[in-house]
C-alpha cells in the first residue's frame, strides 16, 4: 500500500473512532499556543550554538533529555508523563503544518478550521472566511456562550472573525478589560497603560496569563483558545536569551494553569489541555530567527495533550505522522462533537489522544 492510501485508511479509522458517538470524561478543552516555538528546543532544550554564558548554568546539560526538562519542566515532568507529545523528529515522530506558507495566520487558521486555506497568504489577510471549530462549537447544545478566545496578538480578532462568529475575543488592546473597575482590573489597566510594548498594542504574555487566570475562576468557560506570543517576538529580534527565558515562563504559565484547573471542582479531571505552536522556524546561526517558506524546516511543529481521556503514552516515537489540521477535530471530539460532520474537509482527530470511547 502506498503512503497516500495508508494515510487515507488511517484517517478513515480515526473518523469512525471519533464520531459524534464518542464520549469520554472530558467536559472542557483548552488549546494553548506558544507562538513560533521550535520542536528542536522542545525536544532537545537550549541550542548550544546559540546559548550565551549567562544562561548556560541555568539551561545547559550535555544530556538533551535533562536539558529539555530544564527549559520546559512542566511539559516534560507532567504533560509528557501523564499525556502524549508528538514531533521529535530525532525519534521518528513527525508533526507538520499542511499549509504552504509556514507563518502565523495560515497556521492559526489551519489548527482552528481543520484545513489549510491557500487564500490566506499574509498576516494582514483580514477576517477569516473559514468557520473555526470554536465558532461552530459555540452553536452546539451545552456549549453556546461557553467558548472564548484570549491572546496577545490583535490579529486573533480577524482569525476568529469576531464580527461573524460572535465569539468573545480579548486580544491585543482589548485583552485588558478597561470596564473592570475592581482593584484587580484597575491595576491591570494601569500596568498595561504604563508599560512600553514591543509591538503596537499587543501586551506581554504576563498580562495574558493574569487575565486568563482570573477569567477562568470567575466565568468557567468550557472551550478556550489561549495564544501566547512573546516567544515569537524575541526570536524575530534575534534575542535567543530572551526567548529562552520567555519559553521557560510559558512552561510556568502552563503549570500554573493546570494547577488551577485541577484545584477547581468544575475542571478537575474533566479538562483536556492541547498545547502546540503555529509554525516552526529555520535552523542555523541566523535562520532560527525567522520562519516561512524561505526558512527550511518552518513546517515542523509539535503537539502535546494531557487530560482524562488521553492515555499516558508519553513521547511518541516512530508513530504515524500527525498534522496541525487535526487539532480542530480533536478539540470537537473531546467534547463529544463531530466537526467533520459540519466540515468534511477538516482533517480527522488525533485518534490516539482520545482513549477508548465509553
C-alpha atoms as a PDB file:
ATOM      1  CA  UNK A   1       0.000   0.000   0.000  1.00  0.00           C
ATOM      2  CA  UNK A   2       1.414   3.402  -0.941  1.00  0.00           C
ATOM      3  CA  UNK A   3       1.751   6.262   1.547  1.00  0.00           C
ATOM      4  CA  UNK A   4      -1.332   8.157   0.384  1.00  0.00           C
ATOM      5  CA  UNK A   5      -3.547   5.088   0.600  1.00  0.00           C
ATOM      6  CA  UNK A   6      -2.170   4.253   4.008  1.00  0.00           C
ATOM      7  CA  UNK A   7      -2.899   7.754   5.291  1.00  0.00           C
ATOM      8  CA  UNK A   8      -6.452   7.586   3.915  1.00  0.00           C
ATOM      9  CA  UNK A   9      -7.016   4.251   5.612  1.00  0.00           C
ATOM     10  CA  UNK A  10      -5.731   5.580   8.926  1.00  0.00           C
ATOM     11  CA  UNK A  11      -7.850   8.719   8.547  1.00  0.00           C
ATOM     12  CA  UNK A  12     -10.908   6.559   7.890  1.00  0.00           C
ATOM     13  CA  UNK A  13     -10.312   4.545  11.028  1.00  0.00           C
ATOM     14  CA  UNK A  14      -9.799   7.739  13.024  1.00  0.00           C
ATOM     15  CA  UNK A  15     -13.037   9.205  11.703  1.00  0.00           C
ATOM     16  CA  UNK A  16     -15.012   6.116  12.669  1.00  0.00           C
ATOM     17  CA  UNK A  17     -13.313   6.025  16.067  1.00  0.00           C
ATOM     18  CA  UNK A  18     -14.020   9.654  16.846  1.00  0.00           C
ATOM     19  CA  UNK A  19     -17.521  10.218  15.584  1.00  0.00           C
ATOM     20  CA  UNK A  20     -20.150  12.199  17.407  1.00  0.00           C
ATOM     21  CA  UNK A  21     -20.957   8.995  19.313  1.00  0.00           C
ATOM     22  CA  UNK A  22     -17.575   9.102  21.027  1.00  0.00           C
ATOM     23  CA  UNK A  23     -17.845  10.146  24.659  1.00  0.00           C
ATOM     24  CA  UNK A  24     -15.186  10.296  27.314  1.00  0.00           C
ATOM     25  CA  UNK A  25     -14.618  12.084  30.590  1.00  0.00           C
ATOM     26  CA  UNK A  26     -13.522  15.396  29.068  1.00  0.00           C
ATOM     27  CA  UNK A  27     -16.034  18.187  29.545  1.00  0.00           C
ATOM     28  CA  UNK A  28     -13.741  21.143  28.830  1.00  0.00           C
ATOM     29  CA  UNK A  29     -10.934  21.712  26.327  1.00  0.00           C
ATOM     30  CA  UNK A  30      -8.301  24.446  26.282  1.00  0.00           C
ATOM     31  CA  UNK A  31      -5.980  24.944  23.307  1.00  0.00           C
ATOM     32  CA  UNK A  32      -2.803  26.746  24.392  1.00  0.00           C
ATOM     33  CA  UNK A  33      -0.325  28.020  21.800  1.00  0.00           C
ATOM     34  CA  UNK A  34       3.263  29.205  22.227  1.00  0.00           C
ATOM     35  CA  UNK A  35       3.890  31.186  19.063  1.00  0.00           C
ATOM     36  CA  UNK A  36       6.856  30.065  16.985  1.00  0.00           C
ATOM     37  CA  UNK A  37       8.486  27.663  19.462  1.00  0.00           C
ATOM     38  CA  UNK A  38      10.637  25.171  17.533  1.00  0.00           C
ATOM     39  CA  UNK A  39      10.431  21.422  18.034  1.00  0.00           C
ATOM     40  CA  UNK A  40      14.206  21.466  18.477  1.00  0.00           C
ATOM     41  CA  UNK A  41      14.019  23.370  21.785  1.00  0.00           C
ATOM     42  CA  UNK A  42      11.009  21.376  22.969  1.00  0.00           C
ATOM     43  CA  UNK A  43      12.748  18.013  22.479  1.00  0.00           C
ATOM     44  CA  UNK A  44      16.440  18.850  22.971  1.00  0.00           C
ATOM     45  CA  UNK A  45      16.426  22.032  25.059  1.00  0.00           C
ATOM     46  CA  UNK A  46      18.675  25.052  24.586  1.00  0.00           C
ATOM     47  CA  UNK A  47      20.755  25.104  21.414  1.00  0.00           C
ATOM     48  CA  UNK A  48      24.459  25.040  22.422  1.00  0.00           C
ATOM     49  CA  UNK A  49      25.423  27.098  19.367  1.00  0.00           C
ATOM     50  CA  UNK A  50      23.090  29.931  20.455  1.00  0.00           C
ATOM     51  CA  UNK A  51      23.327  29.766  24.241  1.00  0.00           C
ATOM     52  CA  UNK A  52      25.241  32.592  25.936  1.00  0.00           C
ATOM     53  CA  UNK A  53      27.369  32.202  29.060  1.00  0.00           C
ATOM     54  CA  UNK A  54      24.850  33.996  31.277  1.00  0.00           C
ATOM     55  CA  UNK A  55      22.166  31.361  30.766  1.00  0.00           C
ATOM     56  CA  UNK A  56      24.414  28.321  30.327  1.00  0.00           C
ATOM     57  CA  UNK A  57      24.291  27.440  34.023  1.00  0.00           C
ATOM     58  CA  UNK A  58      20.504  27.653  34.074  1.00  0.00           C
ATOM     59  CA  UNK A  59      19.649  25.773  30.888  1.00  0.00           C
ATOM     60  CA  UNK A  60      22.659  23.699  29.824  1.00  0.00           C
ATOM     61  CA  UNK A  61      23.379  19.994  30.253  1.00  0.00           C
ATOM     62  CA  UNK A  62      25.194  17.587  27.961  1.00  0.00           C
ATOM     63  CA  UNK A  63      22.165  15.272  28.049  1.00  0.00           C
ATOM     64  CA  UNK A  64      19.340  16.613  25.805  1.00  0.00           C
ATOM     65  CA  UNK A  65      16.712  14.883  27.958  1.00  0.00           C
ATOM     66  CA  UNK A  66      17.952  16.803  31.008  1.00  0.00           C
ATOM     67  CA  UNK A  67      18.371  19.999  29.004  1.00  0.00           C
ATOM     68  CA  UNK A  68      14.777  19.987  27.804  1.00  0.00           C
ATOM     69  CA  UNK A  69      13.487  19.471  31.361  1.00  0.00           C
ATOM     70  CA  UNK A  70      15.473  22.496  32.490  1.00  0.00           C
ATOM     71  CA  UNK A  71      13.735  24.620  29.858  1.00  0.00           C
ATOM     72  CA  UNK A  72      10.263  23.036  29.977  1.00  0.00           C
ATOM     73  CA  UNK A  73       9.923  21.257  33.350  1.00  0.00           C
ATOM     74  CA  UNK A  74       6.108  21.050  33.363  1.00  0.00           C
ATOM     75  CA  UNK A  75       5.916  19.900  29.764  1.00  0.00           C
ATOM     76  CA  UNK A  76       8.323  17.024  30.434  1.00  0.00           C
ATOM     77  CA  UNK A  77       7.634  16.136  34.053  1.00  0.00           C
ATOM     78  CA  UNK A  78       3.836  16.314  33.841  1.00  0.00           C
ATOM     79  CA  UNK A  79       2.436  16.503  30.309  1.00  0.00           C
ATOM     80  CA  UNK A  80       4.857  14.016  28.762  1.00  0.00           C
ATOM     81  CA  UNK A  81       4.467  11.559  31.643  1.00  0.00           C
ATOM     82  CA  UNK A  82       0.698  11.797  32.070  1.00  0.00           C
ATOM     83  CA  UNK A  83      -0.197  12.540  28.449  1.00  0.00           C
ATOM     84  CA  UNK A  84       1.352  12.445  24.972  1.00  0.00           C
ATOM     85  CA  UNK A  85       3.703  14.610  22.916  1.00  0.00           C
ATOM     86  CA  UNK A  86       4.372  14.423  19.187  1.00  0.00           C
ATOM     87  CA  UNK A  87       7.049  15.919  16.958  1.00  0.00           C
ATOM     88  CA  UNK A  88      10.528  14.659  17.950  1.00  0.00           C
ATOM     89  CA  UNK A  89      11.948  14.080  14.501  1.00  0.00           C
ATOM     90  CA  UNK A  90      15.094  12.586  16.014  1.00  0.00           C
ATOM     91  CA  UNK A  91      12.900   9.675  17.128  1.00  0.00           C
ATOM     92  CA  UNK A  92      10.792   9.412  14.000  1.00  0.00           C
ATOM     93  CA  UNK A  93       7.758  11.296  15.292  1.00  0.00           C
ATOM     94  CA  UNK A  94       6.699  13.906  12.756  1.00  0.00           C
ATOM     95  CA  UNK A  95       4.226  16.756  13.256  1.00  0.00           C
ATOM     96  CA  UNK A  96       3.772  19.240  10.441  1.00  0.00           C
ATOM     97  CA  UNK A  97       1.557  22.007   9.115  1.00  0.00           C
ATOM     98  CA  UNK A  98      -0.262  21.314   5.843  1.00  0.00           C
ATOM     99  CA  UNK A  99      -0.419  24.944   4.711  1.00  0.00           C
ATOM    100  CA  UNK A 100       2.331  26.049   2.327  1.00  0.00           C
ATOM    101  CA  UNK A 101       3.053  29.418   3.963  1.00  0.00           C
ATOM    102  CA  UNK A 102       4.646  28.422   7.286  1.00  0.00           C
ATOM    103  CA  UNK A 103       3.789  31.549   9.239  1.00  0.00           C
ATOM    104  CA  UNK A 104       1.205  32.628  11.789  1.00  0.00           C
ATOM    105  CA  UNK A 105      -2.192  33.427  10.259  1.00  0.00           C
ATOM    106  CA  UNK A 106      -2.182  30.367   7.947  1.00  0.00           C
ATOM    107  CA  UNK A 107      -1.144  28.209  10.917  1.00  0.00           C
ATOM    108  CA  UNK A 108      -3.796  29.516  13.283  1.00  0.00           C
ATOM    109  CA  UNK A 109      -6.434  29.131  10.583  1.00  0.00           C
ATOM    110  CA  UNK A 110      -5.329  25.553   9.903  1.00  0.00           C
ATOM    111  CA  UNK A 111      -5.420  24.424  13.527  1.00  0.00           C
ATOM    112  CA  UNK A 112      -8.735  26.192  14.175  1.00  0.00           C
ATOM    113  CA  UNK A 113     -10.625  25.354  10.969  1.00  0.00           C
ATOM    114  CA  UNK A 114      -9.175  21.899  10.299  1.00  0.00           C
ATOM    115  CA  UNK A 115      -7.761  22.613   6.855  1.00  0.00           C
ATOM    116  CA  UNK A 116      -5.219  24.840   5.135  1.00  0.00           C
ATOM    117  CA  UNK A 117      -6.539  27.694   3.009  1.00  0.00           C
ATOM    118  CA  UNK A 118      -4.231  28.841   0.173  1.00  0.00           C
ATOM    119  CA  UNK A 119      -6.076  32.149   0.000  1.00  0.00           C
ATOM    120  CA  UNK A 120      -4.586  33.166   3.349  1.00  0.00           C
ATOM    121  CA  UNK A 121      -1.164  34.390   2.288  1.00  0.00           C
ATOM    122  CA  UNK A 122      -0.466  37.248   4.690  1.00  0.00           C
ATOM    123  CA  UNK A 123      -0.895  38.068   8.362  1.00  0.00           C
ATOM    124  CA  UNK A 124      -2.878  41.104   7.223  1.00  0.00           C
ATOM    125  CA  UNK A 125      -5.432  38.958   5.371  1.00  0.00           C
ATOM    126  CA  UNK A 126      -8.386  40.346   7.293  1.00  0.00           C
ATOM    127  CA  UNK A 127     -11.458  38.487   8.596  1.00  0.00           C
ATOM    128  CA  UNK A 128     -11.187  34.730   8.196  1.00  0.00           C
ATOM    129  CA  UNK A 129     -13.701  33.334   5.661  1.00  0.00           C
ATOM    130  CA  UNK A 130     -13.480  29.893   7.307  1.00  0.00           C
ATOM    131  CA  UNK A 131     -15.640  28.810  10.237  1.00  0.00           C
ATOM    132  CA  UNK A 132     -13.366  27.644  13.038  1.00  0.00           C
ATOM    133  CA  UNK A 133     -14.138  24.796  15.405  1.00  0.00           C
ATOM    134  CA  UNK A 134     -14.538  27.413  18.148  1.00  0.00           C
ATOM    135  CA  UNK A 135     -17.206  29.296  16.207  1.00  0.00           C
ATOM    136  CA  UNK A 136     -19.015  26.039  15.418  1.00  0.00           C
ATOM    137  CA  UNK A 137     -18.847  24.686  18.974  1.00  0.00           C
ATOM    138  CA  UNK A 138     -20.348  27.959  20.165  1.00  0.00           C
ATOM    139  CA  UNK A 139     -23.553  26.918  18.357  1.00  0.00           C
ATOM    140  CA  UNK A 140     -23.723  23.425  19.886  1.00  0.00           C
ATOM    141  CA  UNK A 141     -26.027  22.439  22.755  1.00  0.00           C
ATOM    142  CA  UNK A 142     -24.411  22.954  26.137  1.00  0.00           C
ATOM    143  CA  UNK A 143     -21.522  24.928  24.651  1.00  0.00           C
ATOM    144  CA  UNK A 144     -23.203  28.085  23.352  1.00  0.00           C
ATOM    145  CA  UNK A 145     -21.867  31.054  25.283  1.00  0.00           C
ATOM    146  CA  UNK A 146     -19.130  28.908  26.818  1.00  0.00           C
ATOM    147  CA  UNK A 147     -16.460  29.289  24.105  1.00  0.00           C
ATOM    148  CA  UNK A 148     -13.897  32.097  24.393  1.00  0.00           C
ATOM    149  CA  UNK A 149     -10.736  33.416  22.742  1.00  0.00           C
ATOM    150  CA  UNK A 150      -7.809  35.074  24.542  1.00  0.00           C
ATOM    151  CA  UNK A 151      -4.427  36.113  23.166  1.00  0.00           C
ATOM    152  CA  UNK A 152      -1.730  38.749  22.985  1.00  0.00           C
ATOM    153  CA  UNK A 153      -1.936  39.191  19.198  1.00  0.00           C
ATOM    154  CA  UNK A 154      -4.556  41.664  17.979  1.00  0.00           C
ATOM    155  CA  UNK A 155      -4.918  39.697  14.713  1.00  0.00           C
ATOM    156  CA  UNK A 156      -6.829  36.972  16.580  1.00  0.00           C
ATOM    157  CA  UNK A 157      -9.876  39.215  16.142  1.00  0.00           C
ATOM    158  CA  UNK A 158      -9.629  38.525  12.394  1.00  0.00           C
ATOM    159  CA  UNK A 159      -8.503  34.898  12.638  1.00  0.00           C
ATOM    160  CA  UNK A 160     -11.573  34.015  14.717  1.00  0.00           C
ATOM    161  CA  UNK A 161     -13.719  36.531  12.798  1.00  0.00           C
ATOM    162  CA  UNK A 162     -15.350  38.154  15.781  1.00  0.00           C
ATOM    163  CA  UNK A 163     -17.825  40.165  13.710  1.00  0.00           C
ATOM    164  CA  UNK A 164     -19.311  36.996  12.169  1.00  0.00           C
ATOM    165  CA  UNK A 165     -18.679  34.363  14.822  1.00  0.00           C
ATOM    166  CA  UNK A 166     -19.934  36.381  17.763  1.00  0.00           C
ATOM    167  CA  UNK A 167     -17.193  34.828  19.893  1.00  0.00           C
ATOM    168  CA  UNK A 168     -15.909  36.842  22.846  1.00  0.00           C
ATOM    169  CA  UNK A 169     -12.380  37.737  21.700  1.00  0.00           C
ATOM    170  CA  UNK A 170      -9.984  39.503  24.029  1.00  0.00           C
ATOM    171  CA  UNK A 171      -6.714  40.057  22.223  1.00  0.00           C
ATOM    172  CA  UNK A 172      -4.218  42.840  21.702  1.00  0.00           C
ATOM    173  CA  UNK A 173      -5.523  46.124  23.073  1.00  0.00           C
ATOM    174  CA  UNK A 174      -8.806  44.504  24.170  1.00  0.00           C
ATOM    175  CA  UNK A 175      -7.149  41.875  26.373  1.00  0.00           C
ATOM    176  CA  UNK A 176      -7.295  44.039  29.494  1.00  0.00           C
ATOM    177  CA  UNK A 177     -10.906  44.947  30.271  1.00  0.00           C
ATOM    178  CA  UNK A 178     -10.991  48.735  30.587  1.00  0.00           C
ATOM    179  CA  UNK A 179     -14.502  48.497  32.081  1.00  0.00           C
ATOM    180  CA  UNK A 180     -13.346  46.405  35.025  1.00  0.00           C
ATOM    181  CA  UNK A 181     -13.395  48.872  37.930  1.00  0.00           C
ATOM    182  CA  UNK A 182     -12.341  46.354  40.562  1.00  0.00           C
ATOM    183  CA  UNK A 183      -8.974  46.847  42.275  1.00  0.00           C
ATOM    184  CA  UNK A 184      -7.604  43.996  40.170  1.00  0.00           C
ATOM    185  CA  UNK A 185      -8.966  45.477  36.941  1.00  0.00           C
ATOM    186  CA  UNK A 186      -7.734  48.987  37.684  1.00  0.00           C
ATOM    187  CA  UNK A 187      -4.237  47.695  38.454  1.00  0.00           C
ATOM    188  CA  UNK A 188      -4.092  45.724  35.204  1.00  0.00           C
ATOM    189  CA  UNK A 189      -5.292  48.738  33.221  1.00  0.00           C
ATOM    190  CA  UNK A 190      -2.660  50.960  34.832  1.00  0.00           C
ATOM    191  CA  UNK A 191       0.135  48.471  34.191  1.00  0.00           C
ATOM    192  CA  UNK A 192      -0.951  48.000  30.577  1.00  0.00           C
ATOM    193  CA  UNK A 193      -1.219  51.750  30.031  1.00  0.00           C
ATOM    194  CA  UNK A 194       2.209  52.479  31.524  1.00  0.00           C
ATOM    195  CA  UNK A 195       4.178  49.526  30.118  1.00  0.00           C
ATOM    196  CA  UNK A 196       6.235  50.102  26.966  1.00  0.00           C
ATOM    197  CA  UNK A 197       5.295  47.392  24.479  1.00  0.00           C
ATOM    198  CA  UNK A 198       7.449  45.886  21.768  1.00  0.00           C
ATOM    199  CA  UNK A 199       4.827  45.648  19.045  1.00  0.00           C
ATOM    200  CA  UNK A 200       1.872  48.005  18.723  1.00  0.00           C
ATOM    201  CA  UNK A 201      -0.848  47.436  21.291  1.00  0.00           C
ATOM    202  CA  UNK A 202      -0.003  43.787  21.944  1.00  0.00           C
ATOM    203  CA  UNK A 203       0.579  43.128  25.660  1.00  0.00           C
ATOM    204  CA  UNK A 204       3.193  40.794  27.105  1.00  0.00           C
ATOM    205  CA  UNK A 205       2.385  37.179  27.951  1.00  0.00           C
ATOM    206  CA  UNK A 206       2.408  38.006  31.660  1.00  0.00           C
ATOM    207  CA  UNK A 207      -0.678  40.193  31.169  1.00  0.00           C
ATOM    208  CA  UNK A 208      -2.428  37.434  29.242  1.00  0.00           C
ATOM    209  CA  UNK A 209      -1.774  34.878  31.925  1.00  0.00           C
ATOM    210  CA  UNK A 210      -3.132  37.025  34.751  1.00  0.00           C
ATOM    211  CA  UNK A 211      -6.256  37.895  32.728  1.00  0.00           C
ATOM    212  CA  UNK A 212      -6.911  34.256  31.778  1.00  0.00           C
ATOM    213  CA  UNK A 213      -6.396  33.016  35.315  1.00  0.00           C
ATOM    214  CA  UNK A 214      -8.958  35.442  36.712  1.00  0.00           C
ATOM    215  CA  UNK A 215     -11.412  34.834  33.875  1.00  0.00           C
ATOM    216  CA  UNK A 216     -11.321  31.067  34.374  1.00  0.00           C
ATOM    217  CA  UNK A 217     -12.027  31.488  38.060  1.00  0.00           C
ATOM    218  CA  UNK A 218     -14.946  33.877  37.560  1.00  0.00           C
ATOM    219  CA  UNK A 219     -16.619  32.582  34.370  1.00  0.00           C
ATOM    220  CA  UNK A 220     -15.664  28.899  33.896  1.00  0.00           C
ATOM    221  CA  UNK A 221     -15.802  28.645  30.079  1.00  0.00           C
ATOM    222  CA  UNK A 222     -15.879  25.135  28.610  1.00  0.00           C
ATOM    223  CA  UNK A 223     -13.781  25.672  25.477  1.00  0.00           C
ATOM    224  CA  UNK A 224     -10.946  28.185  25.235  1.00  0.00           C
ATOM    225  CA  UNK A 225      -8.165  29.298  22.949  1.00  0.00           C
ATOM    226  CA  UNK A 226      -5.160  30.950  24.633  1.00  0.00           C
ATOM    227  CA  UNK A 227      -2.420  32.394  22.423  1.00  0.00           C
ATOM    228  CA  UNK A 228       0.916  33.451  23.960  1.00  0.00           C
ATOM    229  CA  UNK A 229       3.161  35.458  21.649  1.00  0.00           C
ATOM    230  CA  UNK A 230       6.377  36.616  23.368  1.00  0.00           C
ATOM    231  CA  UNK A 231       8.379  33.579  22.243  1.00  0.00           C
ATOM    232  CA  UNK A 232       7.983  34.547  18.585  1.00  0.00           C
ATOM    233  CA  UNK A 233       8.664  38.232  19.170  1.00  0.00           C
ATOM    234  CA  UNK A 234      12.023  37.721  20.893  1.00  0.00           C
ATOM    235  CA  UNK A 235      13.208  35.273  18.242  1.00  0.00           C
ATOM    236  CA  UNK A 236      12.428  37.715  15.456  1.00  0.00           C
ATOM    237  CA  UNK A 237      14.511  40.254  17.365  1.00  0.00           C
ATOM    238  CA  UNK A 238      17.447  37.842  17.486  1.00  0.00           C
ATOM    239  CA  UNK A 239      17.346  37.642  21.297  1.00  0.00           C
ATOM    240  CA  UNK A 240      17.871  33.931  21.952  1.00  0.00           C
ATOM    241  CA  UNK A 241      18.496  34.664  25.639  1.00  0.00           C
ATOM    242  CA  UNK A 242      15.143  36.444  25.993  1.00  0.00           C
ATOM    243  CA  UNK A 243      13.458  33.684  24.001  1.00  0.00           C
ATOM    244  CA  UNK A 244      14.730  31.024  26.417  1.00  0.00           C
ATOM    245  CA  UNK A 245      13.505  32.973  29.422  1.00  0.00           C
ATOM    246  CA  UNK A 246      10.125  33.550  27.788  1.00  0.00           C
ATOM    247  CA  UNK A 247       9.792  29.890  26.764  1.00  0.00           C
ATOM    248  CA  UNK A 248      10.573  28.913  30.357  1.00  0.00           C
ATOM    249  CA  UNK A 249       7.926  31.366  31.562  1.00  0.00           C
ATOM    250  CA  UNK A 250       5.414  29.868  29.131  1.00  0.00           C
ATOM    251  CA  UNK A 251       6.038  26.472  30.712  1.00  0.00           C
ATOM    252  CA  UNK A 252       5.430  28.012  34.140  1.00  0.00           C
ATOM    253  CA  UNK A 253       2.163  29.529  32.890  1.00  0.00           C
ATOM    254  CA  UNK A 254       1.088  26.078  31.708  1.00  0.00           C
ATOM    255  CA  UNK A 255       1.934  24.589  35.103  1.00  0.00           C
ATOM    256  CA  UNK A 256       0.002  27.318  36.901  1.00  0.00           C
ATOM    257  CA  UNK A 257      -2.965  26.875  34.572  1.00  0.00           C
ATOM    258  CA  UNK A 258      -3.016  23.115  35.170  1.00  0.00           C
ATOM    259  CA  UNK A 259      -2.829  23.584  38.940  1.00  0.00           C
ATOM    260  CA  UNK A 260      -5.749  25.977  38.795  1.00  0.00           C
ATOM    261  CA  UNK A 261      -7.812  23.593  36.678  1.00  0.00           C
ATOM    262  CA  UNK A 262      -7.063  20.622  38.893  1.00  0.00           C
ATOM    263  CA  UNK A 263      -7.994  22.561  42.039  1.00  0.00           C
ATOM    264  CA  UNK A 264     -11.429  23.516  40.664  1.00  0.00           C
ATOM    265  CA  UNK A 265     -14.435  21.191  41.014  1.00  0.00           C
ATOM    266  CA  UNK A 266     -15.657  22.463  37.643  1.00  0.00           C
ATOM    267  CA  UNK A 267     -12.447  21.486  35.826  1.00  0.00           C
ATOM    268  CA  UNK A 268     -10.681  18.791  37.871  1.00  0.00           C
ATOM    269  CA  UNK A 269     -10.296  15.531  35.912  1.00  0.00           C
ATOM    270  CA  UNK A 270     -12.756  16.867  33.321  1.00  0.00           C
ATOM    271  CA  UNK A 271     -10.427  19.077  31.279  1.00  0.00           C
ATOM    272  CA  UNK A 272      -8.002  18.387  28.439  1.00  0.00           C
ATOM    273  CA  UNK A 273      -5.143  20.708  27.514  1.00  0.00           C
ATOM    274  CA  UNK A 274      -3.916  20.698  23.924  1.00  0.00           C
ATOM    275  CA  UNK A 275      -0.588  22.534  23.636  1.00  0.00           C
ATOM    276  CA  UNK A 276       1.176  23.375  20.398  1.00  0.00           C
ATOM    277  CA  UNK A 277       2.642  26.091  18.176  1.00  0.00           C
ATOM    278  CA  UNK A 278       1.552  27.808  14.967  1.00  0.00           C
ATOM    279  CA  UNK A 279       4.721  27.155  12.946  1.00  0.00           C
ATOM    280  CA  UNK A 280       8.342  26.101  13.189  1.00  0.00           C
ATOM    281  CA  UNK A 281      11.463  28.054  12.290  1.00  0.00           C
ATOM    282  CA  UNK A 282      14.705  27.759  10.410  1.00  0.00           C
ATOM    283  CA  UNK A 283      17.900  26.245  11.820  1.00  0.00           C
ATOM    284  CA  UNK A 284      21.350  27.778  11.906  1.00  0.00           C
ATOM    285  CA  UNK A 285      23.220  30.768  13.331  1.00  0.00           C
ATOM    286  CA  UNK A 286      20.708  33.296  11.978  1.00  0.00           C
ATOM    287  CA  UNK A 287      17.953  31.243  10.324  1.00  0.00           C
ATOM    288  CA  UNK A 288      16.400  30.379  13.710  1.00  0.00           C
ATOM    289  CA  UNK A 289      15.165  33.948  13.959  1.00  0.00           C
ATOM    290  CA  UNK A 290      12.668  33.636  11.133  1.00  0.00           C
ATOM    291  CA  UNK A 291      10.153  31.307   9.520  1.00  0.00           C
ATOM    292  CA  UNK A 292       8.280  30.912   6.253  1.00  0.00           C
ATOM    293  CA  UNK A 293       8.996  29.113   3.006  1.00  0.00           C
ATOM    294  CA  UNK A 294      12.478  30.626   2.794  1.00  0.00           C
ATOM    295  CA  UNK A 295      13.434  29.045   6.123  1.00  0.00           C
ATOM    296  CA  UNK A 296      13.689  25.278   5.704  1.00  0.00           C
ATOM    297  CA  UNK A 297      12.005  23.355   8.496  1.00  0.00           C
ATOM    298  CA  UNK A 298       9.419  26.010   9.338  1.00  0.00           C
ATOM    299  CA  UNK A 299       6.675  23.487   8.594  1.00  0.00           C
ATOM    300  CA  UNK A 300       7.746  21.271  11.516  1.00  0.00           C
ATOM    301  CA  UNK A 301       5.766  21.692  14.733  1.00  0.00           C
ATOM    302  CA  UNK A 302       4.922  19.737  17.913  1.00  0.00           C
ATOM    303  CA  UNK A 303       1.689  18.841  19.678  1.00  0.00           C
ATOM    304  CA  UNK A 304       1.161  17.797  23.308  1.00  0.00           C
ATOM    305  CA  UNK A 305      -2.040  16.640  25.027  1.00  0.00           C
ATOM    306  CA  UNK A 306      -2.933  15.925  28.653  1.00  0.00           C
ATOM    307  CA  UNK A 307      -6.365  15.111  30.036  1.00  0.00           C
ATOM    308  CA  UNK A 308      -8.638  12.417  31.461  1.00  0.00           C
ATOM    309  CA  UNK A 309      -9.130  10.632  28.119  1.00  0.00           C
ATOM    310  CA  UNK A 310      -5.523  10.736  26.904  1.00  0.00           C
ATOM    311  CA  UNK A 311      -3.541   7.631  27.761  1.00  0.00           C
ATOM    312  CA  UNK A 312      -0.059   8.294  29.234  1.00  0.00           C
ATOM    313  CA  UNK A 313       1.922   7.142  26.206  1.00  0.00           C
ATOM    314  CA  UNK A 314       4.471   9.917  26.669  1.00  0.00           C
ATOM    315  CA  UNK A 315       6.893  10.902  23.937  1.00  0.00           C
ATOM    316  CA  UNK A 316       5.774   9.301  20.699  1.00  0.00           C
ATOM    317  CA  UNK A 317       8.392   7.528  18.638  1.00  0.00           C
ATOM    318  CA  UNK A 318       8.123   6.480  15.005  1.00  0.00           C
ATOM    319  CA  UNK A 319       4.370   6.975  15.207  1.00  0.00           C
ATOM    320  CA  UNK A 320       2.028   7.865  12.373  1.00  0.00           C
ATOM    321  CA  UNK A 321       2.696  11.395  11.175  1.00  0.00           C
ATOM    322  CA  UNK A 322       0.301  13.970  12.603  1.00  0.00           C
ATOM    323  CA  UNK A 323      -0.679  17.367  11.272  1.00  0.00           C
ATOM    324  CA  UNK A 324      -1.722  20.740  12.587  1.00  0.00           C
ATOM    325  CA  UNK A 325      -5.010  20.373  10.716  1.00  0.00           C
ATOM    326  CA  UNK A 326      -6.054  17.553  13.072  1.00  0.00           C
ATOM    327  CA  UNK A 327      -6.258  19.864  16.081  1.00  0.00           C
ATOM    328  CA  UNK A 328      -9.733  21.238  15.253  1.00  0.00           C
ATOM    329  CA  UNK A 329     -11.494  17.864  15.021  1.00  0.00           C
ATOM    330  CA  UNK A 330      -9.622  16.663  18.108  1.00  0.00           C
ATOM    331  CA  UNK A 331     -10.981  19.568  20.167  1.00  0.00           C
ATOM    332  CA  UNK A 332     -14.509  18.828  18.975  1.00  0.00           C
ATOM    333  CA  UNK A 333     -14.226  15.064  19.544  1.00  0.00           C
ATOM    334  CA  UNK A 334     -13.015  15.565  23.103  1.00  0.00           C
ATOM    335  CA  UNK A 335     -16.289  17.308  23.971  1.00  0.00           C
ATOM    336  CA  UNK A 336     -18.340  14.720  22.086  1.00  0.00           C
ATOM    337  CA  UNK A 337     -18.840  16.612  18.820  1.00  0.00           C
ATOM    338  CA  UNK A 338     -18.035  15.650  15.225  1.00  0.00           C
ATOM    339  CA  UNK A 339     -16.506  18.633  13.443  1.00  0.00           C
ATOM    340  CA  UNK A 340     -16.102  16.672  10.204  1.00  0.00           C
ATOM    341  CA  UNK A 341     -19.869  16.263  10.008  1.00  0.00           C
ATOM    342  CA  UNK A 342     -20.007  20.041   9.745  1.00  0.00           C
ATOM    343  CA  UNK A 343     -16.858  20.438   7.628  1.00  0.00           C
ATOM    344  CA  UNK A 344     -15.960  17.299   5.611  1.00  0.00           C
ATOM    345  CA  UNK A 345     -12.719  18.971   4.506  1.00  0.00           C
ATOM    346  CA  UNK A 346     -11.409  19.096   8.060  1.00  0.00           C
ATOM    347  CA  UNK A 347      -8.718  16.580   8.958  1.00  0.00           C
ATOM    348  CA  UNK A 348      -9.658  13.713  11.326  1.00  0.00           C
ATOM    349  CA  UNK A 349      -8.918  13.851  15.053  1.00  0.00           C
ATOM    350  CA  UNK A 350      -5.712  12.636  16.652  1.00  0.00           C
ATOM    351  CA  UNK A 351      -7.100   9.175  17.379  1.00  0.00           C
ATOM    352  CA  UNK A 352      -4.564   8.121  19.993  1.00  0.00           C
ATOM    353  CA  UNK A 353      -5.192  11.033  22.343  1.00  0.00           C
ATOM    354  CA  UNK A 354      -8.888  10.212  22.595  1.00  0.00           C
ATOM    355  CA  UNK A 355      -8.532   6.976  24.542  1.00  0.00           C
ATOM    356  CA  UNK A 356     -11.300   4.413  24.468  1.00  0.00           C
ATOM    357  CA  UNK A 357     -14.927   5.503  23.986  1.00  0.00           C
ATOM    358  CA  UNK A 358     -17.448   4.605  26.662  1.00  0.00           C
END
